[in-house]
């Protein structure tokens, strides 16, 4: 998988340690990560995600390793900068706010700790960004889990870090609180120039937030590159099953008030999707799961499916389910993946170069 072109974070770690009496874990990675945006570090539990983040933070002293962030050497054969001297902020699964301080008291503490001057304008901007103005005099035990985490993120940003590390910040929240905080994380993505490394095992979080993706398994990198490149690969040796799919960047170009839909245009075509109130011209992300893409040799008007895209088969691979196949399609310059039965592949006589129509229900498209 291709690496990002403009790298701000370059790291190489070879690190082994005991996990119990008779087992060891080995992290062996080489990374080149972008200067801005959110890089998701994705993998199953035990794949080494948190260990990698701790190595970058300097919380784990690696036997053999190097780490350079925006030209500053944090670790080499001759150098090891301790964590407290690395200009980073770390957001953990639990908010870990000071219980004896109010929400704003926690923020003011962070301002004092910052190596850079934090103006009142900076303070107000971050408070507004995370939507926590009304929480000013409340103590942590008076806040919901989502509110505590938003205060913790604001506190991390007020340190004015050059790198923000987030270790599964939604893992301890229930589904309702996750939905509550997600729009604020999307704001971080849209409004900050700060590079963010975001550890998660949720493909939904990856799809909504990430620009780049690093996939880990048992301490090794399976893939790293842009989100579209990695998710658009059908030979990724990680069984995604029902969650296999791609993310499309699109712009809203038309609203159908009668049917509560918007027309979203992307490189290669357009899709009708549910109207979520986005303004005309607004950039949106669309997630299309492979299971929701069906294929036809002709375009049919006598169907309830609104979205029918002329496509070309690029590649066909066996799925982890022996009855199914994954098909990579080119829709203009955009990749879409279909997951269909191997029987259907045979029935339609599909192969590389086949011209087909990709059919996608509007109600199946995720936002």
Protein backbone atom coordinates (compact mmCIF):
# COMPACT_ATOMS: atom_id res chain seq x y z
CA UNK A 1 0.00 0.00 0.00
CA UNK A 2 1.36 3.42 -0.89
CA UNK A 3 2.50 5.66 1.94
CA UNK A 4 1.41 9.30 2.27
CA UNK A 5 3.59 11.64 0.21
CA UNK A 6 4.03 14.47 2.73
CA UNK A 7 5.21 12.84 5.94
CA UNK A 8 5.33 14.64 9.29
CA UNK A 9 5.74 11.56 11.47
CA UNK A 10 8.33 8.92 10.70
CA UNK A 11 8.82 6.07 13.10
CA UNK A 12 10.39 2.64 13.25
CA UNK A 13 10.00 0.42 16.30
CA UNK A 14 11.19 -3.09 17.06
CA UNK A 15 10.00 -3.88 20.55
CA UNK A 16 9.31 -7.12 22.41
CA UNK A 17 8.04 -7.56 25.95
CA UNK A 18 6.53 -10.24 28.18
CA UNK A 19 2.76 -10.56 28.56
CA UNK A 20 2.40 -13.16 31.26
CA UNK A 21 4.75 -15.93 32.29
CA UNK A 22 5.02 -17.79 29.00
CA UNK A 23 4.10 -15.27 26.28
CA UNK A 24 5.77 -12.33 24.63
CA UNK A 25 4.44 -9.65 22.31
CA UNK A 26 6.52 -8.17 19.52
CA UNK A 27 5.88 -4.84 17.80
CA UNK A 28 7.79 -4.46 14.54
CA UNK A 29 6.62 -1.49 12.46
CA UNK A 30 7.83 1.22 10.12
CA UNK A 31 5.57 4.23 9.58
CA UNK A 32 5.46 7.36 7.46
CA UNK A 33 2.41 9.43 8.40
CA UNK A 34 0.94 12.69 7.07
CA UNK A 35 1.45 16.24 8.26
CA UNK A 36 -2.24 16.92 8.91
CA UNK A 37 -5.58 15.22 9.31
CA UNK A 38 -6.52 12.08 11.23
CA UNK A 39 -4.56 8.87 10.88
CA UNK A 40 -6.54 5.93 12.23
CA UNK A 41 -4.57 3.05 13.72
CA UNK A 42 -6.94 0.14 13.30
CA UNK A 43 -6.89 -3.48 14.33
CA UNK A 44 -8.41 -6.09 16.58
CA UNK A 45 -7.75 -6.20 20.32
CA UNK A 46 -4.17 -7.27 20.97
CA UNK A 47 -2.87 -6.12 17.58
CA UNK A 48 -0.49 -3.56 19.13
CA UNK A 49 -2.42 -0.31 18.59
CA UNK A 50 -1.98 1.11 22.09
CA UNK A 51 1.60 -0.15 22.28
CA UNK A 52 2.42 1.75 19.10
CA UNK A 53 0.86 4.93 20.48
CA UNK A 54 2.80 4.56 23.75
CA UNK A 55 6.05 4.11 21.80
CA UNK A 56 5.42 7.33 19.87
CA UNK A 57 4.61 9.12 23.13
CA UNK A 58 7.77 7.81 24.78
CA UNK A 59 5.80 5.97 27.45
CA UNK A 60 7.43 2.75 26.22
CA UNK A 61 11.21 2.92 25.83
CA UNK A 62 11.85 0.79 22.76
CA UNK A 63 14.99 -1.33 22.50
CA UNK A 64 15.44 -0.48 18.83
CA UNK A 65 13.60 2.46 17.38
CA UNK A 66 13.47 5.93 15.94
CA UNK A 67 10.82 8.63 15.88
CA UNK A 68 10.87 12.00 14.15
CA UNK A 69 7.93 14.41 14.32
CA UNK A 70 7.92 17.45 12.04
CA UNK A 71 11.68 17.43 11.84
CA UNK A 72 12.28 17.03 15.60
CA UNK A 73 14.04 13.84 16.64
CA UNK A 74 12.20 12.29 19.59
CA UNK A 75 14.13 9.04 19.49
CA UNK A 76 17.20 7.69 17.72
CA UNK A 77 20.20 5.51 18.58
CA UNK A 78 21.70 8.51 20.41
CA UNK A 79 18.56 10.35 21.60
CA UNK A 80 15.54 9.69 23.75
CA UNK A 81 13.32 12.65 24.58
CA UNK A 82 11.21 11.88 27.67
CA UNK A 83 7.44 12.10 27.35
CA UNK A 84 7.09 15.34 29.33
CA UNK A 85 9.41 17.09 26.87
CA UNK A 86 7.59 15.90 23.74
CA UNK A 87 5.09 18.52 22.48
CA UNK A 88 2.16 16.10 22.39
CA UNK A 89 -1.17 15.57 24.08
CA UNK A 90 -2.68 12.19 24.90
CA UNK A 91 -6.40 11.47 25.23
CA UNK A 92 -7.13 8.15 26.93
CA UNK A 93 -10.23 5.93 26.95
CA UNK A 94 -11.25 7.43 30.27
CA UNK A 95 -11.33 11.22 30.59
CA UNK A 96 -9.22 11.27 33.82
CA UNK A 97 -10.22 14.82 34.75
CA UNK A 98 -9.19 16.24 38.11
CA UNK A 99 -12.27 15.56 40.26
CA UNK A 100 -11.69 18.57 42.56
CA UNK A 101 -11.68 21.04 39.64
CA UNK A 102 -14.62 22.24 37.56
CA UNK A 103 -14.67 21.65 33.82
CA UNK A 104 -13.13 25.06 33.19
CA UNK A 105 -10.79 24.56 36.13
CA UNK A 106 -9.40 21.53 34.31
CA UNK A 107 -8.98 23.64 31.18
CA UNK A 108 -7.23 26.48 33.01
CA UNK A 109 -4.82 23.96 34.52
CA UNK A 110 -3.90 22.82 31.01
CA UNK A 111 -3.31 26.42 29.92
CA UNK A 112 -0.81 26.91 32.73
CA UNK A 113 0.99 23.72 31.71
CA UNK A 114 1.36 24.72 28.07
CA UNK A 115 4.83 25.64 26.84
CA UNK A 116 3.17 28.19 24.54
CA UNK A 117 1.07 31.18 25.46
CA UNK A 118 -2.63 30.35 25.28
CA UNK A 119 -4.75 33.45 24.72
CA UNK A 120 -8.34 33.93 25.81
CA UNK A 121 -9.23 33.81 22.11
CA UNK A 122 -7.59 30.35 21.90
CA UNK A 123 -9.52 29.29 24.99
CA UNK A 124 -12.85 30.52 23.64
CA UNK A 125 -12.23 28.91 20.23
CA UNK A 126 -11.53 25.48 21.71
CA UNK A 127 -14.46 25.72 24.15
CA UNK A 128 -16.72 26.54 21.19
CA UNK A 129 -15.16 23.79 19.06
CA UNK A 130 -16.00 21.15 21.66
CA UNK A 131 -19.36 22.69 22.63
CA UNK A 132 -18.67 22.85 26.36
CA UNK A 133 -19.39 26.50 27.26
CA UNK A 134 -22.40 25.59 29.42
CA UNK A 135 -20.34 23.10 31.44
CA UNK A 136 -18.06 25.77 32.91
CA UNK A 137 -18.89 25.38 36.63
CA UNK A 138 -19.77 21.70 36.66
CA UNK A 139 -17.53 19.11 38.26
CA UNK A 140 -16.57 15.86 36.48
CA UNK A 141 -19.00 13.74 38.49
CA UNK A 142 -21.84 16.00 37.26
CA UNK A 143 -21.01 15.38 33.60
CA UNK A 144 -22.04 12.56 31.28
CA UNK A 145 -19.34 10.31 29.84
CA UNK A 146 -19.47 12.14 26.52
CA UNK A 147 -19.22 15.55 28.20
CA UNK A 148 -16.24 14.44 30.27
CA UNK A 149 -14.47 13.22 27.15
CA UNK A 150 -15.16 16.49 25.31
CA UNK A 151 -13.65 18.42 28.24
CA UNK A 152 -10.66 16.04 28.19
CA UNK A 153 -10.14 16.68 24.47
CA UNK A 154 -10.40 20.45 24.99
CA UNK A 155 -7.86 20.18 27.82
CA UNK A 156 -5.48 18.30 25.52
CA UNK A 157 -5.81 20.94 22.79
CA UNK A 158 -5.12 23.80 25.23
CA UNK A 159 -1.63 22.43 25.79
CA UNK A 160 -1.05 23.48 22.16
CA UNK A 161 0.52 20.16 21.14
CA UNK A 162 2.23 19.52 17.82
CA UNK A 163 0.75 16.02 17.81
CA UNK A 164 -2.50 14.72 19.34
CA UNK A 165 -2.72 11.04 20.32
CA UNK A 166 -6.17 9.55 20.97
CA UNK A 167 -6.44 6.02 22.34
CA UNK A 168 -9.96 4.69 21.67
CA UNK A 169 -11.62 7.83 23.09
CA UNK A 170 -15.12 6.41 22.51
CA UNK A 171 -14.49 2.91 23.86
CA UNK A 172 -15.98 3.55 27.31
CA UNK A 173 -19.10 5.30 25.99
CA UNK A 174 -22.48 3.75 25.20
CA UNK A 175 -24.03 4.10 21.75
CA UNK A 176 -25.95 7.27 22.63
CA UNK A 177 -22.86 9.04 24.00
CA UNK A 178 -20.83 7.96 20.98
CA UNK A 179 -23.40 9.59 18.69
CA UNK A 180 -23.26 12.70 20.89
CA UNK A 181 -19.49 13.14 20.67
CA UNK A 182 -18.88 12.08 17.06
CA UNK A 183 -19.84 15.46 15.49
CA UNK A 184 -17.25 17.15 17.72
CA UNK A 185 -14.55 14.73 16.57
CA UNK A 186 -15.56 15.51 12.98
CA UNK A 187 -15.05 19.20 13.79
CA UNK A 188 -11.51 18.40 14.94
CA UNK A 189 -10.92 16.80 11.57
CA UNK A 190 -12.35 19.74 9.63
CA UNK A 191 -10.96 22.69 11.58
CA UNK A 192 -7.54 21.75 12.96
CA UNK A 193 -4.22 21.58 11.12
CA UNK A 194 -2.90 19.39 13.92
CA UNK A 195 -1.93 15.80 12.99
CA UNK A 196 -3.97 13.32 15.03
CA UNK A 197 -3.25 9.62 15.59
CA UNK A 198 -6.51 7.91 16.47
CA UNK A 199 -6.52 4.34 17.79
CA UNK A 200 -9.73 2.38 17.24
CA UNK A 201 -11.13 -1.05 16.47
CA UNK A 202 -14.32 0.47 15.02
CA UNK A 203 -14.59 0.66 11.23
CA UNK A 204 -17.46 3.12 11.64
CA UNK A 205 -15.12 5.56 13.43
CA UNK A 206 -12.47 4.99 10.76
CA UNK A 207 -14.95 5.72 7.97
CA UNK A 208 -16.26 8.92 9.55
CA UNK A 209 -13.00 10.43 10.76
CA UNK A 210 -9.85 9.12 9.08
CA UNK A 211 -7.86 10.50 6.16
CA UNK A 212 -5.16 7.83 6.40
CA UNK A 213 -5.25 4.34 7.76
CA UNK A 214 -2.74 2.01 9.36
CA UNK A 215 -3.95 -1.59 9.81
CA UNK A 216 -2.17 -3.64 12.46
CA UNK A 217 -2.26 -7.36 13.17
CA UNK A 218 -0.14 -9.08 15.82
CA UNK A 219 2.29 -6.17 15.97
CA UNK A 220 2.83 -5.96 12.20
CA UNK A 221 1.50 -3.53 9.61
CA UNK A 222 -0.87 -5.15 7.12
CA UNK A 223 -1.47 -1.93 5.20
CA UNK A 224 -0.94 1.82 5.44
CA UNK A 225 -2.02 4.57 3.10
CA UNK A 226 -4.90 6.87 2.25
CA UNK A 227 -8.29 5.78 3.50
CA UNK A 228 -9.63 5.26 -0.03
CA UNK A 229 -6.60 3.20 -1.08
CA UNK A 230 -6.70 0.89 1.92
CA UNK A 231 -10.47 0.38 2.07
CA UNK A 232 -10.57 0.06 -1.72
CA UNK A 233 -8.26 -2.95 -1.62
CA UNK A 234 -10.01 -6.34 -1.72
CA UNK A 235 -6.92 -8.37 -0.94
CA UNK A 236 -6.41 -6.91 2.54
CA UNK A 237 -5.64 -9.97 4.71
CA UNK A 238 -8.09 -8.91 7.41
CA UNK A 239 -11.57 -10.48 7.41
CA UNK A 240 -13.89 -7.46 7.47
CA UNK A 241 -16.95 -9.49 6.49
CA UNK A 242 -20.18 -7.47 6.70
CA UNK A 243 -18.23 -4.24 7.35
CA UNK A 244 -16.26 -4.38 4.11
CA UNK A 245 -16.83 -1.25 2.06
CA UNK A 246 -15.47 2.09 0.90
CA UNK A 247 -15.79 5.79 1.74
CA UNK A 248 -16.62 8.32 -0.97
CA UNK A 249 -15.99 12.06 -0.70
CA UNK A 250 -18.85 13.96 -2.33
CA UNK A 251 -20.52 17.36 -2.54
CA UNK A 252 -24.21 18.11 -2.18
CA UNK A 253 -25.46 19.56 -5.49
CA UNK A 254 -29.27 19.28 -5.28
CA UNK A 255 -32.02 18.90 -2.69
CA UNK A 256 -35.30 17.08 -3.34
CA UNK A 257 -37.63 18.56 -0.73
CA UNK A 258 -40.55 16.36 -1.73
CA UNK A 259 -38.71 13.11 -1.02
CA UNK A 260 -36.20 14.26 1.64
CA UNK A 261 -33.18 13.32 -0.44
CA UNK A 262 -30.05 15.10 -1.66
CA UNK A 263 -28.00 14.42 -4.77
CA UNK A 264 -24.33 13.98 -3.92
CA UNK A 265 -21.75 14.28 -6.68
CA UNK A 266 -18.38 12.51 -6.56
CA UNK A 267 -15.52 11.76 -8.94
CA UNK A 268 -17.21 9.33 -11.29
CA UNK A 269 -20.90 9.79 -10.64
CA UNK A 270 -23.64 10.84 -8.28
CA UNK A 271 -25.81 9.27 -5.61
CA UNK A 272 -29.16 10.09 -4.05
CA UNK A 273 -28.86 9.87 -0.27
CA UNK A 274 -30.97 10.76 2.76
CA UNK A 275 -31.22 14.50 3.42
CA UNK A 276 -29.41 15.28 6.69
CA UNK A 277 -29.72 19.04 6.32
CA UNK A 278 -26.40 19.61 4.55
CA UNK A 279 -26.11 22.87 2.59
CA UNK A 280 -25.81 22.89 -1.20
CA UNK A 281 -22.09 22.76 -1.98
CA UNK A 282 -21.22 21.16 1.36
CA UNK A 283 -18.64 18.38 1.43
CA UNK A 284 -19.95 15.09 2.84
CA UNK A 285 -18.63 11.59 3.39
CA UNK A 286 -20.58 8.61 2.17
CA UNK A 287 -19.90 5.05 3.28
CA UNK A 288 -21.01 2.28 0.94
CA UNK A 289 -20.85 -1.25 2.32
CA UNK A 290 -19.99 -3.98 -0.15
CA UNK A 291 -22.98 -6.04 0.99
CA UNK A 292 -25.32 -3.24 -0.17
CA UNK A 293 -24.02 -3.18 -3.77
CA UNK A 294 -25.74 -5.44 -6.29
CA UNK A 295 -24.73 -5.85 -9.92
CA UNK A 296 -26.64 -6.00 -13.19
CA UNK A 297 -25.62 -6.25 -16.82
CA UNK A 298 -28.24 -3.67 -17.86
CA UNK A 299 -29.72 -0.54 -16.26
CA UNK A 300 -33.28 -1.27 -15.13
CA UNK A 301 -35.86 1.47 -14.59
CA UNK A 302 -38.46 -0.93 -13.16
CA UNK A 303 -36.76 -1.11 -9.75
CA UNK A 304 -36.98 0.69 -6.42
CA UNK A 305 -33.20 1.24 -6.45
CA UNK A 306 -32.50 4.89 -7.33
CA UNK A 307 -28.71 4.68 -7.60
CA UNK A 308 -27.43 2.85 -10.67
CA UNK A 309 -23.81 3.54 -11.62
CA UNK A 310 -22.08 2.38 -14.84
CA UNK A 311 -19.00 0.48 -13.69
CA UNK A 312 -16.19 -1.76 -14.84
CA UNK A 313 -14.94 -4.83 -13.00
CA UNK A 314 -11.29 -4.37 -12.07
CA UNK A 315 -10.60 -7.37 -9.86
CA UNK A 316 -12.37 -10.32 -8.27
CA UNK A 317 -11.18 -12.05 -5.10
CA UNK A 318 -12.54 -14.85 -2.91
CA UNK A 319 -14.12 -13.63 0.32
CA UNK A 320 -13.41 -15.16 3.73
CA UNK A 321 -16.87 -16.73 3.34
CA UNK A 322 -16.34 -19.41 0.69
CA UNK A 323 -19.79 -18.77 -0.79
CA UNK A 324 -19.03 -15.10 -1.47
CA UNK A 325 -16.73 -13.04 -3.68
CA UNK A 326 -15.42 -9.47 -3.46
CA UNK A 327 -15.45 -7.42 -6.65
CA UNK A 328 -13.53 -4.16 -7.06
CA UNK A 329 -15.30 -1.81 -9.45
CA UNK A 330 -14.14 1.37 -11.16
CA UNK A 331 -16.82 4.06 -11.25
CA UNK A 332 -14.93 6.74 -13.11
CA UNK A 333 -11.90 7.38 -10.91
CA UNK A 334 -13.67 6.09 -7.78
CA UNK A 335 -13.43 2.54 -6.44
CA UNK A 336 -16.52 0.74 -5.16
CA UNK A 337 -16.59 -2.79 -3.76
CA UNK A 338 -19.41 -5.30 -4.22
CA UNK A 339 -19.84 -8.46 -2.15
CA UNK A 340 -21.90 -11.00 -4.05
CA UNK A 341 -22.24 -14.75 -4.18
CA UNK A 342 -19.76 -16.71 -6.28
CA UNK A 343 -22.81 -18.21 -7.97
CA UNK A 344 -23.82 -14.71 -9.14
CA UNK A 345 -20.31 -14.11 -10.49
CA UNK A 346 -20.63 -17.28 -12.54
CA UNK A 347 -24.19 -16.52 -13.66
CA UNK A 348 -23.23 -13.04 -14.93
CA UNK A 349 -19.93 -14.37 -16.35
CA UNK A 350 -18.01 -11.58 -14.62
CA UNK A 351 -14.29 -11.00 -15.01
CA UNK A 352 -11.83 -8.09 -15.21
CA UNK A 353 -13.07 -5.66 -17.85
CA UNK A 354 -16.75 -6.64 -17.57
CA UNK A 355 -19.15 -3.69 -17.88
CA UNK A 356 -21.83 -3.73 -15.20
CA UNK A 357 -24.27 -1.47 -13.38
CA UNK A 358 -23.65 -1.08 -9.65
CA UNK A 359 -26.98 -0.72 -7.84
CA UNK A 360 -27.11 0.89 -4.38
CA UNK A 361 -30.20 1.58 -2.28
CA UNK A 362 -30.37 5.16 -0.97
CA UNK A 363 -31.48 3.88 2.44
CA UNK A 364 -28.42 1.62 2.66
CA UNK A 365 -25.88 4.43 2.24
CA UNK A 366 -24.29 5.45 5.54
CA UNK A 367 -23.37 9.00 6.55
